[in-house]
Amino acid sequence: MYYGNHSCSWDNKGVSFLDTSTPGKAYGVAYLISIHQFEHIFKEENGGCFPKAESIWYNKKLKLGTINNIPVMTFTNAGIVDKVDAGERYLDVIIEGLKENYDSLSIEEINEYVISRNNS
């Protein structure tokens, strides 16, 4: 996971993307939603329309695996967008989500994970 682009919703700073070209792990949270809901979120995260292949936002859907025979899906950009540091408000949301969902991680591990994403 890394931060890229400039989101006007997040102080014109970077937002999360999944780098599918590099092995590794990324923390996340799975929500049980319908295919219709997934498509709606995908569209909304792309300014209210389905993206073209050359989009600088989220133009690639991925199946990450399954949970109880239900596909685990996400989306990212098919390439690597320009890395841009995320803003403090965005990082706070990511940190809070990790704290709520990953009891096994210390606050130090969470902070290191969140802050180090664009260092490679």
PDB file of N, CA and C in Angstrom:
ATOM      1  N   MET A   1       0.844  -1.162   0.000  1.00  0.00           N
ATOM      2  CA  MET A   1       0.000   0.000   0.000  1.00  0.00           C
ATOM      3  C   MET A   1       0.893   1.230   0.000  1.00  0.00           C
ATOM      4  N   TYR A   2       0.466   2.215  -0.761  1.00  0.00           N
ATOM      5  CA  TYR A   2       1.187   3.484  -0.789  1.00  0.00           C
ATOM      6  C   TYR A   2       0.181   4.603  -0.997  1.00  0.00           C
ATOM      7  N   TYR A   3       0.647   5.842  -0.884  1.00  0.00           N
ATOM      8  CA  TYR A   3      -0.217   7.010  -1.064  1.00  0.00           C
ATOM      9  C   TYR A   3       0.152   7.701  -2.370  1.00  0.00           C
ATOM     10  N   GLY A   4      -0.871   8.126  -3.095  1.00  0.00           N
ATOM     11  CA  GLY A   4      -0.619   8.797  -4.364  1.00  0.00           C
ATOM     12  C   GLY A   4      -1.742   9.740  -4.740  1.00  0.00           C
ATOM     13  N   ASN A   5      -1.487  10.484  -5.820  1.00  0.00           N
ATOM     14  CA  ASN A   5      -2.417  11.479  -6.381  1.00  0.00           C
ATOM     15  C   ASN A   5      -2.667  12.615  -5.403  1.00  0.00           C
ATOM     16  N   HIS A   6      -3.583  13.472  -5.756  1.00  0.00           N
ATOM     17  CA  HIS A   6      -3.965  14.621  -4.923  1.00  0.00           C
ATOM     18  C   HIS A   6      -5.478  14.614  -4.799  1.00  0.00           C
ATOM     19  N   SER A   7      -5.991  14.280  -3.629  1.00  0.00           N
ATOM     20  CA  SER A   7      -7.429  14.212  -3.420  1.00  0.00           C
ATOM     21  C   SER A   7      -7.947  15.493  -2.786  1.00  0.00           C
ATOM     22  N   CYS A   8      -8.886  16.155  -3.467  1.00  0.00           N
ATOM     23  CA  CYS A   8      -9.455  17.384  -2.900  1.00  0.00           C
ATOM     24  C   CYS A   8     -10.281  17.068  -1.649  1.00  0.00           C
ATOM     25  N   SER A   9     -10.733  15.831  -1.502  1.00  0.00           N
ATOM     26  CA  SER A   9     -11.475  15.430  -0.299  1.00  0.00           C
ATOM     27  C   SER A   9     -10.563  15.295   0.914  1.00  0.00           C
ATOM     28  N   TRP A  10      -9.267  15.142   0.665  1.00  0.00           N
ATOM     29  CA  TRP A  10      -8.303  14.919   1.740  1.00  0.00           C
ATOM     30  C   TRP A  10      -7.173  15.942   1.673  1.00  0.00           C
ATOM     31  N   ASP A  11      -7.540  17.224   1.680  1.00  0.00           N
ATOM     32  CA  ASP A  11      -6.585  18.337   1.756  1.00  0.00           C
ATOM     33  C   ASP A  11      -5.591  18.350   0.601  1.00  0.00           C
ATOM     34  N   ASN A  12      -6.029  17.853  -0.560  1.00  0.00           N
ATOM     35  CA  ASN A  12      -5.195  17.810  -1.767  1.00  0.00           C
ATOM     36  C   ASN A  12      -3.919  16.989  -1.557  1.00  0.00           C
ATOM     37  N   LYS A  13      -4.009  16.010  -0.692  1.00  0.00           N
ATOM     38  CA  LYS A  13      -2.886  15.110  -0.391  1.00  0.00           C
ATOM     39  C   LYS A  13      -3.181  13.714  -0.938  1.00  0.00           C
ATOM     40  N   GLY A  14      -2.229  12.791  -0.746  1.00  0.00           N
ATOM     41  CA  GLY A  14      -2.343  11.440  -1.275  1.00  0.00           C
ATOM     42  C   GLY A  14      -3.359  10.575  -0.549  1.00  0.00           C
ATOM     43  N   VAL A  15      -3.848   9.573  -1.290  1.00  0.00           N
ATOM     44  CA  VAL A  15      -4.759   8.572  -0.746  1.00  0.00           C
ATOM     45  C   VAL A  15      -4.202   7.181  -1.063  1.00  0.00           C
ATOM     46  N   SER A  16      -4.779   6.167  -0.486  1.00  0.00           N
ATOM     47  CA  SER A  16      -4.244   4.800  -0.579  1.00  0.00           C
ATOM     48  C   SER A  16      -4.447   4.147  -1.940  1.00  0.00           C
ATOM     49  N   PHE A  17      -3.408   3.450  -2.360  1.00  0.00           N
ATOM     50  CA  PHE A  17      -3.433   2.582  -3.530  1.00  0.00           C
ATOM     51  C   PHE A  17      -2.717   1.300  -3.150  1.00  0.00           C
ATOM     52  N   LEU A  18      -3.090   0.214  -3.808  1.00  0.00           N
ATOM     53  CA  LEU A  18      -2.430  -1.064  -3.593  1.00  0.00           C
ATOM     54  C   LEU A  18      -1.453  -1.291  -4.734  1.00  0.00           C
ATOM     55  N   ASP A  19      -0.201  -1.498  -4.400  1.00  0.00           N
ATOM     56  CA  ASP A  19       0.834  -1.783  -5.405  1.00  0.00           C
ATOM     57  C   ASP A  19       0.797  -3.278  -5.686  1.00  0.00           C
ATOM     58  N   THR A  20       0.261  -3.643  -6.855  1.00  0.00           N
ATOM     59  CA  THR A  20       0.143  -5.064  -7.202  1.00  0.00           C
ATOM     60  C   THR A  20       1.383  -5.597  -7.912  1.00  0.00           C
ATOM     61  N   SER A  21       2.381  -4.752  -8.120  1.00  0.00           N
ATOM     62  CA  SER A  21       3.597  -5.189  -8.810  1.00  0.00           C
ATOM     63  C   SER A  21       4.670  -5.678  -7.844  1.00  0.00           C
ATOM     64  N   THR A  22       4.467  -5.474  -6.567  1.00  0.00           N
ATOM     65  CA  THR A  22       5.463  -5.811  -5.559  1.00  0.00           C
ATOM     66  C   THR A  22       4.868  -6.761  -4.528  1.00  0.00           C
ATOM     67  N   PRO A  23       5.547  -7.881  -4.235  1.00  0.00           N
ATOM     68  CA  PRO A  23       5.025  -8.775  -3.192  1.00  0.00           C
ATOM     69  C   PRO A  23       5.066  -8.085  -1.833  1.00  0.00           C
ATOM     70  N   GLY A  24       4.154  -8.460  -0.988  1.00  0.00           N
ATOM     71  CA  GLY A  24       4.112  -7.893   0.347  1.00  0.00           C
ATOM     72  C   GLY A  24       2.727  -8.031   0.923  1.00  0.00           C
ATOM     73  N   LYS A  25       2.475  -7.323   2.007  1.00  0.00           N
ATOM     74  CA  LYS A  25       1.152  -7.374   2.612  1.00  0.00           C
ATOM     75  C   LYS A  25       0.669  -5.963   2.882  1.00  0.00           C
ATOM     76  N   ALA A  26      -0.646  -5.857   2.899  1.00  0.00           N
ATOM     77  CA  ALA A  26      -1.284  -4.599   3.254  1.00  0.00           C
ATOM     78  C   ALA A  26      -2.423  -4.922   4.208  1.00  0.00           C
ATOM     79  N   TYR A  27      -2.579  -4.131   5.228  1.00  0.00           N
ATOM     80  CA  TYR A  27      -3.673  -4.325   6.162  1.00  0.00           C
ATOM     81  C   TYR A  27      -4.945  -3.740   5.560  1.00  0.00           C
ATOM     82  N   GLY A  28      -6.061  -4.342   5.897  1.00  0.00           N
ATOM     83  CA  GLY A  28      -7.341  -3.855   5.412  1.00  0.00           C
ATOM     84  C   GLY A  28      -8.467  -4.406   6.256  1.00  0.00           C
ATOM     85  N   VAL A  29      -9.671  -4.003   5.907  1.00  0.00           N
ATOM     86  CA  VAL A  29     -10.881  -4.448   6.582  1.00  0.00           C
ATOM     87  C   VAL A  29     -11.856  -4.900   5.512  1.00  0.00           C
ATOM     88  N   ALA A  30     -12.496  -6.036   5.731  1.00  0.00           N
ATOM     89  CA  ALA A  30     -13.478  -6.559   4.775  1.00  0.00           C
ATOM     90  C   ALA A  30     -14.884  -6.228   5.264  1.00  0.00           C
ATOM     91  N   TYR A  31     -15.709  -5.759   4.342  1.00  0.00           N
ATOM     92  CA  TYR A  31     -17.113  -5.484   4.622  1.00  0.00           C
ATOM     93  C   TYR A  31     -17.959  -6.365   3.712  1.00  0.00           C
ATOM     94  N   LEU A  32     -19.022  -6.936   4.248  1.00  0.00           N
ATOM     95  CA  LEU A  32     -19.925  -7.759   3.454  1.00  0.00           C
ATOM     96  C   LEU A  32     -20.915  -6.839   2.752  1.00  0.00           C
ATOM     97  N   ILE A  33     -20.734  -6.671   1.441  1.00  0.00           N
ATOM     98  CA  ILE A  33     -21.608  -5.832   0.626  1.00  0.00           C
ATOM     99  C   ILE A  33     -21.981  -6.603  -0.638  1.00  0.00           C
ATOM    100  N   SER A  34     -23.010  -6.143  -1.304  1.00  0.00           N
ATOM    101  CA  SER A  34     -23.436  -6.792  -2.542  1.00  0.00           C
ATOM    102  C   SER A  34     -22.542  -6.340  -3.705  1.00  0.00           C
ATOM    103  N   ILE A  35     -22.625  -7.065  -4.799  1.00  0.00           N
ATOM    104  CA  ILE A  35     -21.894  -6.664  -6.012  1.00  0.00           C
ATOM    105  C   ILE A  35     -22.345  -5.281  -6.447  1.00  0.00           C
ATOM    106  N   HIS A  36     -23.641  -5.022  -6.374  1.00  0.00           N
ATOM    107  CA  HIS A  36     -24.179  -3.706  -6.740  1.00  0.00           C
ATOM    108  C   HIS A  36     -23.560  -2.607  -5.873  1.00  0.00           C
ATOM    109  N   GLN A  37     -23.447  -2.851  -4.575  1.00  0.00           N
ATOM    110  CA  GLN A  37     -22.829  -1.871  -3.675  1.00  0.00           C
ATOM    111  C   GLN A  37     -21.356  -1.668  -4.013  1.00  0.00           C
ATOM    112  N   PHE A  38     -20.646  -2.767  -4.307  1.00  0.00           N
ATOM    113  CA  PHE A  38     -19.238  -2.665  -4.693  1.00  0.00           C
ATOM    114  C   PHE A  38     -19.095  -1.797  -5.939  1.00  0.00           C
ATOM    115  N   GLU A  39     -19.920  -2.040  -6.940  1.00  0.00           N
ATOM    116  CA  GLU A  39     -19.869  -1.249  -8.181  1.00  0.00           C
ATOM    117  C   GLU A  39     -20.188   0.211  -7.910  1.00  0.00           C
ATOM    118  N   HIS A  40     -21.112   0.466  -7.005  1.00  0.00           N
ATOM    119  CA  HIS A  40     -21.450   1.853  -6.648  1.00  0.00           C
ATOM    120  C   HIS A  40     -20.246   2.549  -5.994  1.00  0.00           C
ATOM    121  N   ILE A  41     -19.592   1.875  -5.070  1.00  0.00           N
ATOM    122  CA  ILE A  41     -18.412   2.450  -4.399  1.00  0.00           C
ATOM    123  C   ILE A  41     -17.295   2.678  -5.415  1.00  0.00           C
ATOM    124  N   PHE A  42     -17.070   1.705  -6.281  1.00  0.00           N
ATOM    125  CA  PHE A  42     -16.052   1.833  -7.329  1.00  0.00           C
ATOM    126  C   PHE A  42     -16.311   3.075  -8.178  1.00  0.00           C
ATOM    127  N   LYS A  43     -17.545   3.247  -8.571  1.00  0.00           N
ATOM    128  CA  LYS A  43     -17.925   4.406  -9.384  1.00  0.00           C
ATOM    129  C   LYS A  43     -17.735   5.715  -8.603  1.00  0.00           C
ATOM    130  N   GLU A  44     -18.196   5.752  -7.357  1.00  0.00           N
ATOM    131  CA  GLU A  44     -18.076   6.969  -6.546  1.00  0.00           C
ATOM    132  C   GLU A  44     -16.619   7.357  -6.286  1.00  0.00           C
ATOM    133  N   GLU A  45     -15.759   6.378  -6.082  1.00  0.00           N
ATOM    134  CA  GLU A  45     -14.339   6.661  -5.852  1.00  0.00           C
ATOM    135  C   GLU A  45     -13.642   7.143  -7.128  1.00  0.00           C
ATOM    136  N   ASN A  46     -14.340   7.113  -8.230  1.00  0.00           N
ATOM    137  CA  ASN A  46     -13.823   7.596  -9.510  1.00  0.00           C
ATOM    138  C   ASN A  46     -14.619   8.795 -10.008  1.00  0.00           C
ATOM    139  N   GLY A  47     -15.089   9.627  -9.084  1.00  0.00           N
ATOM    140  CA  GLY A  47     -15.781  10.854  -9.450  1.00  0.00           C
ATOM    141  C   GLY A  47     -17.179  10.648  -9.999  1.00  0.00           C
ATOM    142  N   GLY A  48     -17.801   9.518  -9.699  1.00  0.00           N
ATOM    143  CA  GLY A  48     -19.171   9.267 -10.111  1.00  0.00           C
ATOM    144  C   GLY A  48     -19.335   8.586 -11.457  1.00  0.00           C
ATOM    145  N   CYS A  49     -18.228   8.121 -12.047  1.00  0.00           N
ATOM    146  CA  CYS A  49     -18.336   7.418 -13.333  1.00  0.00           C
ATOM    147  C   CYS A  49     -17.350   6.259 -13.356  1.00  0.00           C
ATOM    148  N   PHE A  50     -17.603   5.311 -14.256  1.00  0.00           N
ATOM    149  CA  PHE A  50     -16.674   4.201 -14.399  1.00  0.00           C
ATOM    150  C   PHE A  50     -15.424   4.698 -15.116  1.00  0.00           C
ATOM    151  N   PRO A  51     -14.246   4.357 -14.611  1.00  0.00           N
ATOM    152  CA  PRO A  51     -13.007   4.928 -15.153  1.00  0.00           C
ATOM    153  C   PRO A  51     -12.594   4.325 -16.487  1.00  0.00           C
ATOM    154  N   LYS A  52     -11.870   5.120 -17.243  1.00  0.00           N
ATOM    155  CA  LYS A  52     -11.220   4.621 -18.457  1.00  0.00           C
ATOM    156  C   LYS A  52      -9.904   3.959 -18.038  1.00  0.00           C
ATOM    157  N   ALA A  53      -9.338   3.172 -18.919  1.00  0.00           N
ATOM    158  CA  ALA A  53      -8.105   2.431 -18.610  1.00  0.00           C
ATOM    159  C   ALA A  53      -6.972   3.357 -18.189  1.00  0.00           C
ATOM    160  N   GLU A  54      -6.917   4.562 -18.733  1.00  0.00           N
ATOM    161  CA  GLU A  54      -5.814   5.474 -18.432  1.00  0.00           C
ATOM    162  C   GLU A  54      -6.079   6.352 -17.205  1.00  0.00           C
ATOM    163  N   SER A  55      -7.117   6.060 -16.447  1.00  0.00           N
ATOM    164  CA  SER A  55      -7.460   6.844 -15.269  1.00  0.00           C
ATOM    165  C   SER A  55      -6.296   6.906 -14.285  1.00  0.00           C
ATOM    166  N   ILE A  56      -6.143   8.053 -13.626  1.00  0.00           N
ATOM    167  CA  ILE A  56      -5.118   8.183 -12.580  1.00  0.00           C
ATOM    168  C   ILE A  56      -5.672   7.777 -11.219  1.00  0.00           C
ATOM    169  N   TRP A  57      -6.917   7.333 -11.183  1.00  0.00           N
ATOM    170  CA  TRP A  57      -7.529   6.906  -9.930  1.00  0.00           C
ATOM    171  C   TRP A  57      -7.640   5.394  -9.911  1.00  0.00           C
ATOM    172  N   TYR A  58      -8.770   4.881  -9.554  1.00  0.00           N
ATOM    173  CA  TYR A  58      -8.953   3.443  -9.332  1.00  0.00           C
ATOM    174  C   TYR A  58      -9.549   2.789 -10.582  1.00  0.00           C
ATOM    175  N   ASN A  59      -8.721   2.177 -11.396  1.00  0.00           N
ATOM    176  CA  ASN A  59      -9.185   1.605 -12.658  1.00  0.00           C
ATOM    177  C   ASN A  59      -9.006   0.089 -12.746  1.00  0.00           C
ATOM    178  N   LYS A  60      -8.638  -0.550 -11.648  1.00  0.00           N
ATOM    179  CA  LYS A  60      -8.398  -1.997 -11.670  1.00  0.00           C
ATOM    180  C   LYS A  60      -9.094  -2.650 -10.483  1.00  0.00           C
ATOM    181  N   LYS A  61      -9.966  -3.617 -10.763  1.00  0.00           N
ATOM    182  CA  LYS A  61     -10.623  -4.400  -9.721  1.00  0.00           C
ATOM    183  C   LYS A  61      -9.787  -5.644  -9.464  1.00  0.00           C
ATOM    184  N   LEU A  62      -9.691  -6.035  -8.198  1.00  0.00           N
ATOM    185  CA  LEU A  62      -8.887  -7.199  -7.815  1.00  0.00           C
ATOM    186  C   LEU A  62      -9.665  -8.125  -6.901  1.00  0.00           C
ATOM    187  N   LYS A  63      -9.529  -9.414  -7.141  1.00  0.00           N
ATOM    188  CA  LYS A  63     -10.024 -10.402  -6.191  1.00  0.00           C
ATOM    189  C   LYS A  63      -8.830 -10.836  -5.354  1.00  0.00           C
ATOM    190  N   LEU A  64      -8.911 -10.611  -4.051  1.00  0.00           N
ATOM    191  CA  LEU A  64      -7.806 -10.905  -3.141  1.00  0.00           C
ATOM    192  C   LEU A  64      -7.868 -12.313  -2.571  1.00  0.00           C
ATOM    193  N   GLY A  65      -9.005 -12.936  -2.665  1.00  0.00           N
ATOM    194  CA  GLY A  65      -9.193 -14.268  -2.106  1.00  0.00           C
ATOM    195  C   GLY A  65     -10.658 -14.461  -1.797  1.00  0.00           C
ATOM    196  N   THR A  66     -10.945 -15.323  -0.811  1.00  0.00           N
ATOM    197  CA  THR A  66     -12.322 -15.547  -0.381  1.00  0.00           C
ATOM    198  C   THR A  66     -12.367 -15.660   1.137  1.00  0.00           C
ATOM    199  N   ILE A  67     -13.512 -15.335   1.692  1.00  0.00           N
ATOM    200  CA  ILE A  67     -13.833 -15.571   3.103  1.00  0.00           C
ATOM    201  C   ILE A  67     -15.182 -16.273   3.105  1.00  0.00           C
ATOM    202  N   ASN A  68     -15.217 -17.481   3.634  1.00  0.00           N
ATOM    203  CA  ASN A  68     -16.456 -18.272   3.643  1.00  0.00           C
ATOM    204  C   ASN A  68     -17.065 -18.382   2.247  1.00  0.00           C
ATOM    205  N   ASN A  69     -16.211 -18.624   1.246  1.00  0.00           N
ATOM    206  CA  ASN A  69     -16.609 -18.763  -0.154  1.00  0.00           C
ATOM    207  C   ASN A  69     -17.164 -17.481  -0.774  1.00  0.00           C
ATOM    208  N   ILE A  70     -16.973 -16.353  -0.132  1.00  0.00           N
ATOM    209  CA  ILE A  70     -17.404 -15.056  -0.666  1.00  0.00           C
ATOM    210  C   ILE A  70     -16.157 -14.343  -1.176  1.00  0.00           C
ATOM    211  N   PRO A  71     -16.164 -13.862  -2.421  1.00  0.00           N
ATOM    212  CA  PRO A  71     -14.984 -13.183  -2.952  1.00  0.00           C
ATOM    213  C   PRO A  71     -14.633 -11.922  -2.143  1.00  0.00           C
ATOM    214  N   VAL A  72     -13.341 -11.742  -1.889  1.00  0.00           N
ATOM    215  CA  VAL A  72     -12.837 -10.526  -1.248  1.00  0.00           C
ATOM    216  C   VAL A  72     -12.292  -9.658  -2.373  1.00  0.00           C
ATOM    217  N   MET A  73     -12.942  -8.512  -2.575  1.00  0.00           N
ATOM    218  CA  MET A  73     -12.623  -7.638  -3.703  1.00  0.00           C
ATOM    219  C   MET A  73     -12.102  -6.279  -3.218  1.00  0.00           C
ATOM    220  N   THR A  74     -11.287  -5.671  -4.054  1.00  0.00           N
ATOM    221  CA  THR A  74     -10.842  -4.300  -3.829  1.00  0.00           C
ATOM    222  C   THR A  74     -10.580  -3.678  -5.181  1.00  0.00           C
ATOM    223  N   PHE A  75     -10.136  -2.432  -5.177  1.00  0.00           N
ATOM    224  CA  PHE A  75      -9.720  -1.792  -6.420  1.00  0.00           C
ATOM    225  C   PHE A  75      -8.542  -0.878  -6.153  1.00  0.00           C
ATOM    226  N   THR A  76      -7.771  -0.647  -7.205  1.00  0.00           N
ATOM    227  CA  THR A  76      -6.573   0.182  -7.143  1.00  0.00           C
ATOM    228  C   THR A  76      -6.324   0.719  -8.542  1.00  0.00           C
ATOM    229  N   ASN A  77      -5.171   1.266  -8.789  1.00  0.00           N
ATOM    230  CA  ASN A  77      -4.792   1.665 -10.141  1.00  0.00           C
ATOM    231  C   ASN A  77      -3.974   0.546 -10.758  1.00  0.00           C
ATOM    232  N   ALA A  78      -4.151   0.322 -12.042  1.00  0.00           N
ATOM    233  CA  ALA A  78      -3.431  -0.745 -12.734  1.00  0.00           C
ATOM    234  C   ALA A  78      -1.926  -0.489 -12.776  1.00  0.00           C
ATOM    235  N   GLY A  79      -1.515   0.753 -12.700  1.00  0.00           N
ATOM    236  CA  GLY A  79      -0.093   1.101 -12.666  1.00  0.00           C
ATOM    237  C   GLY A  79       0.279   1.621 -11.291  1.00  0.00           C
ATOM    238  N   ILE A  80       1.381   2.315 -11.239  1.00  0.00           N
ATOM    239  CA  ILE A  80       1.800   2.996 -10.011  1.00  0.00           C
ATOM    240  C   ILE A  80       1.638   4.487 -10.260  1.00  0.00           C
ATOM    241  N   VAL A  81       0.734   5.128  -9.521  1.00  0.00           N
ATOM    242  CA  VAL A  81       0.528   6.559  -9.697  1.00  0.00           C
ATOM    243  C   VAL A  81       1.633   7.311  -8.967  1.00  0.00           C
ATOM    244  N   ASP A  82       1.778   8.590  -9.278  1.00  0.00           N
ATOM    245  CA  ASP A  82       2.784   9.398  -8.596  1.00  0.00           C
ATOM    246  C   ASP A  82       2.533   9.379  -7.093  1.00  0.00           C
ATOM    247  N   LYS A  83       3.587   9.053  -6.354  1.00  0.00           N
ATOM    248  CA  LYS A  83       3.459   9.003  -4.902  1.00  0.00           C
ATOM    249  C   LYS A  83       3.396  10.418  -4.340  1.00  0.00           C
ATOM    250  N   VAL A  84       2.444  10.599  -3.427  1.00  0.00           N
ATOM    251  CA  VAL A  84       2.238  11.879  -2.749  1.00  0.00           C
ATOM    252  C   VAL A  84       1.928  11.549  -1.294  1.00  0.00           C
ATOM    253  N   ASP A  85       2.589  12.190  -0.367  1.00  0.00           N
ATOM    254  CA  ASP A  85       2.334  11.921   1.038  1.00  0.00           C
ATOM    255  C   ASP A  85       0.881  12.222   1.389  1.00  0.00           C
ATOM    256  N   ALA A  86       0.327  11.410   2.262  1.00  0.00           N
ATOM    257  CA  ALA A  86      -1.039  11.605   2.740  1.00  0.00           C
ATOM    258  C   ALA A  86      -1.042  12.702   3.799  1.00  0.00           C
ATOM    259  N   GLY A  87      -2.186  13.368   3.938  1.00  0.00           N
ATOM    260  CA  GLY A  87      -2.345  14.410   4.943  1.00  0.00           C
ATOM    261  C   GLY A  87      -2.618  13.829   6.321  1.00  0.00           C
ATOM    262  N   GLU A  88      -2.469  14.660   7.325  1.00  0.00           N
ATOM    263  CA  GLU A  88      -2.626  14.229   8.713  1.00  0.00           C
ATOM    264  C   GLU A  88      -4.029  13.695   8.983  1.00  0.00           C
ATOM    265  N   ARG A  89      -5.049  14.344   8.460  1.00  0.00           N
ATOM    266  CA  ARG A  89      -6.427  13.909   8.672  1.00  0.00           C
ATOM    267  C   ARG A  89      -6.658  12.512   8.096  1.00  0.00           C
ATOM    268  N   TYR A  90      -6.138  12.256   6.895  1.00  0.00           N
ATOM    269  CA  TYR A  90      -6.273  10.950   6.246  1.00  0.00           C
ATOM    270  C   TYR A  90      -5.519   9.882   7.041  1.00  0.00           C
ATOM    271  N   LEU A  91      -4.308  10.193   7.454  1.00  0.00           N
ATOM    272  CA  LEU A  91      -3.514   9.247   8.246  1.00  0.00           C
ATOM    273  C   LEU A  91      -4.214   8.915   9.564  1.00  0.00           C
ATOM    274  N   ASP A  92      -4.839   9.903  10.185  1.00  0.00           N
ATOM    275  CA  ASP A  92      -5.569   9.658  11.433  1.00  0.00           C
ATOM    276  C   ASP A  92      -6.695   8.646  11.231  1.00  0.00           C
ATOM    277  N   VAL A  93      -7.394   8.741  10.102  1.00  0.00           N
ATOM    278  CA  VAL A  93      -8.475   7.795   9.803  1.00  0.00           C
ATOM    279  C   VAL A  93      -7.908   6.393   9.608  1.00  0.00           C
ATOM    280  N   ILE A  94      -6.800   6.272   8.886  1.00  0.00           N
ATOM    281  CA  ILE A  94      -6.163   4.971   8.661  1.00  0.00           C
ATOM    282  C   ILE A  94      -5.698   4.386   9.999  1.00  0.00           C
ATOM    283  N   ILE A  95      -5.061   5.195  10.814  1.00  0.00           N
ATOM    284  CA  ILE A  95      -4.565   4.741  12.119  1.00  0.00           C
ATOM    285  C   ILE A  95      -5.722   4.263  12.999  1.00  0.00           C
ATOM    286  N   GLU A  96      -6.796   5.024  13.062  1.00  0.00           N
ATOM    287  CA  GLU A  96      -7.942   4.627  13.888  1.00  0.00           C
ATOM    288  C   GLU A  96      -8.542   3.311  13.403  1.00  0.00           C
ATOM    289  N   GLY A  97      -8.641   3.141  12.085  1.00  0.00           N
ATOM    290  CA  GLY A  97      -9.163   1.894  11.536  1.00  0.00           C
ATOM    291  C   GLY A  97      -8.289   0.699  11.879  1.00  0.00           C
ATOM    292  N   LEU A  98      -6.985   0.890  11.818  1.00  0.00           N
ATOM    293  CA  LEU A  98      -6.067  -0.197  12.175  1.00  0.00           C
ATOM    294  C   LEU A  98      -6.158  -0.527  13.660  1.00  0.00           C
ATOM    295  N   LYS A  99      -6.250   0.487  14.503  1.00  0.00           N
ATOM    296  CA  LYS A  99      -6.370   0.253  15.945  1.00  0.00           C
ATOM    297  C   LYS A  99      -7.646  -0.515  16.267  1.00  0.00           C
ATOM    298  N   GLU A 100      -8.740  -0.203  15.577  1.00  0.00           N
ATOM    299  CA  GLU A 100     -10.022  -0.866  15.824  1.00  0.00           C
ATOM    300  C   GLU A 100     -10.024  -2.318  15.349  1.00  0.00           C
ATOM    301  N   ASN A 101      -9.245  -2.629  14.328  1.00  0.00           N
ATOM    302  CA  ASN A 101      -9.348  -3.937  13.681  1.00  0.00           C
ATOM    303  C   ASN A 101      -8.153  -4.850  13.855  1.00  0.00           C
ATOM    304  N   TYR A 102      -7.059  -4.358  14.410  1.00  0.00           N
ATOM    305  CA  TYR A 102      -5.843  -5.170  14.558  1.00  0.00           C
ATOM    306  C   TYR A 102      -5.306  -5.064  15.982  1.00  0.00           C
ATOM    307  N   ASP A 103      -5.964  -5.797  16.882  1.00  0.00           N
ATOM    308  CA  ASP A 103      -5.553  -5.797  18.294  1.00  0.00           C
ATOM    309  C   ASP A 103      -4.124  -6.273  18.484  1.00  0.00           C
ATOM    310  N   SER A 104      -3.631  -7.093  17.553  1.00  0.00           N
ATOM    311  CA  SER A 104      -2.293  -7.668  17.705  1.00  0.00           C
ATOM    312  C   SER A 104      -1.182  -6.663  17.383  1.00  0.00           C
ATOM    313  N   LEU A 105      -1.529  -5.531  16.786  1.00  0.00           N
ATOM    314  CA  LEU A 105      -0.515  -4.518  16.445  1.00  0.00           C
ATOM    315  C   LEU A 105      -0.423  -3.466  17.540  1.00  0.00           C
ATOM    316  N   SER A 106       0.792  -3.125  17.905  1.00  0.00           N
ATOM    317  CA  SER A 106       0.989  -2.033  18.870  1.00  0.00           C
ATOM    318  C   SER A 106       0.804  -0.707  18.143  1.00  0.00           C
ATOM    319  N   ILE A 107       0.617   0.347  18.895  1.00  0.00           N
ATOM    320  CA  ILE A 107       0.489   1.683  18.289  1.00  0.00           C
ATOM    321  C   ILE A 107       1.764   2.057  17.542  1.00  0.00           C
ATOM    322  N   GLU A 108       2.910   1.593  18.047  1.00  0.00           N
ATOM    323  CA  GLU A 108       4.176   1.865  17.362  1.00  0.00           C
ATOM    324  C   GLU A 108       4.219   1.165  16.001  1.00  0.00           C
ATOM    325  N   GLU A 109       3.757  -0.103  15.961  1.00  0.00           N
ATOM    326  CA  GLU A 109       3.730  -0.844  14.697  1.00  0.00           C
ATOM    327  C   GLU A 109       2.754  -0.210  13.708  1.00  0.00           C
ATOM    328  N   ILE A 110       1.618   0.228  14.204  1.00  0.00           N
ATOM    329  CA  ILE A 110       0.632   0.892  13.338  1.00  0.00           C
ATOM    330  C   ILE A 110       1.207   2.180  12.777  1.00  0.00           C
ATOM    331  N   ASN A 111       1.780   3.001  13.637  1.00  0.00           N
ATOM    332  CA  ASN A 111       2.352   4.274  13.175  1.00  0.00           C
ATOM    333  C   ASN A 111       3.461   4.039  12.156  1.00  0.00           C
ATOM    334  N   GLU A 112       4.328   3.073  12.406  1.00  0.00           N
ATOM    335  CA  GLU A 112       5.416   2.771  11.474  1.00  0.00           C
ATOM    336  C   GLU A 112       4.858   2.331  10.128  1.00  0.00           C
ATOM    337  N   TYR A 113       3.863   1.464  10.147  1.00  0.00           N
ATOM    338  CA  TYR A 113       3.239   0.988   8.910  1.00  0.00           C
ATOM    339  C   TYR A 113       2.642   2.156   8.119  1.00  0.00           C
ATOM    340  N   VAL A 114       1.865   2.973   8.787  1.00  0.00           N
ATOM    341  CA  VAL A 114       1.164   4.074   8.117  1.00  0.00           C
ATOM    342  C   VAL A 114       2.135   5.121   7.580  1.00  0.00           C
ATOM    343  N   ILE A 115       3.145   5.457   8.347  1.00  0.00           N
ATOM    344  CA  ILE A 115       4.070   6.523   7.966  1.00  0.00           C
ATOM    345  C   ILE A 115       5.068   6.067   6.906  1.00  0.00           C
ATOM    346  N   SER A 116       5.401   4.776   6.876  1.00  0.00           N
ATOM    347  CA  SER A 116       6.475   4.302   5.997  1.00  0.00           C
ATOM    348  C   SER A 116       6.016   3.924   4.588  1.00  0.00           C
ATOM    349  N   ARG A 117       4.786   4.075   4.233  1.00  0.00           N
ATOM    350  CA  ARG A 117       4.256   3.550   2.972  1.00  0.00           C
ATOM    351  C   ARG A 117       4.947   4.100   1.723  1.00  0.00           C
ATOM    352  N   ASN A 118       5.377   5.318   1.703  1.00  0.00           N
ATOM    353  CA  ASN A 118       5.996   5.891   0.505  1.00  0.00           C
ATOM    354  C   ASN A 118       7.512   5.876   0.553  1.00  0.00           C
ATOM    355  N   ASN A 119       8.084   5.134   1.490  1.00  0.00           N
ATOM    356  CA  ASN A 119       9.544   5.118   1.645  1.00  0.00           C
ATOM    357  C   ASN A 119      10.270   4.179   0.701  1.00  0.00           C
ATOM    358  N   SER A 120       9.573   3.338  -0.019  1.00  0.00           N
ATOM    359  CA  SER A 120      10.272   2.388  -0.897  1.00  0.00           C
ATOM    360  C   SER A 120      10.273   2.855  -2.342  1.00  0.00           C
TER     361      SER A 120
END
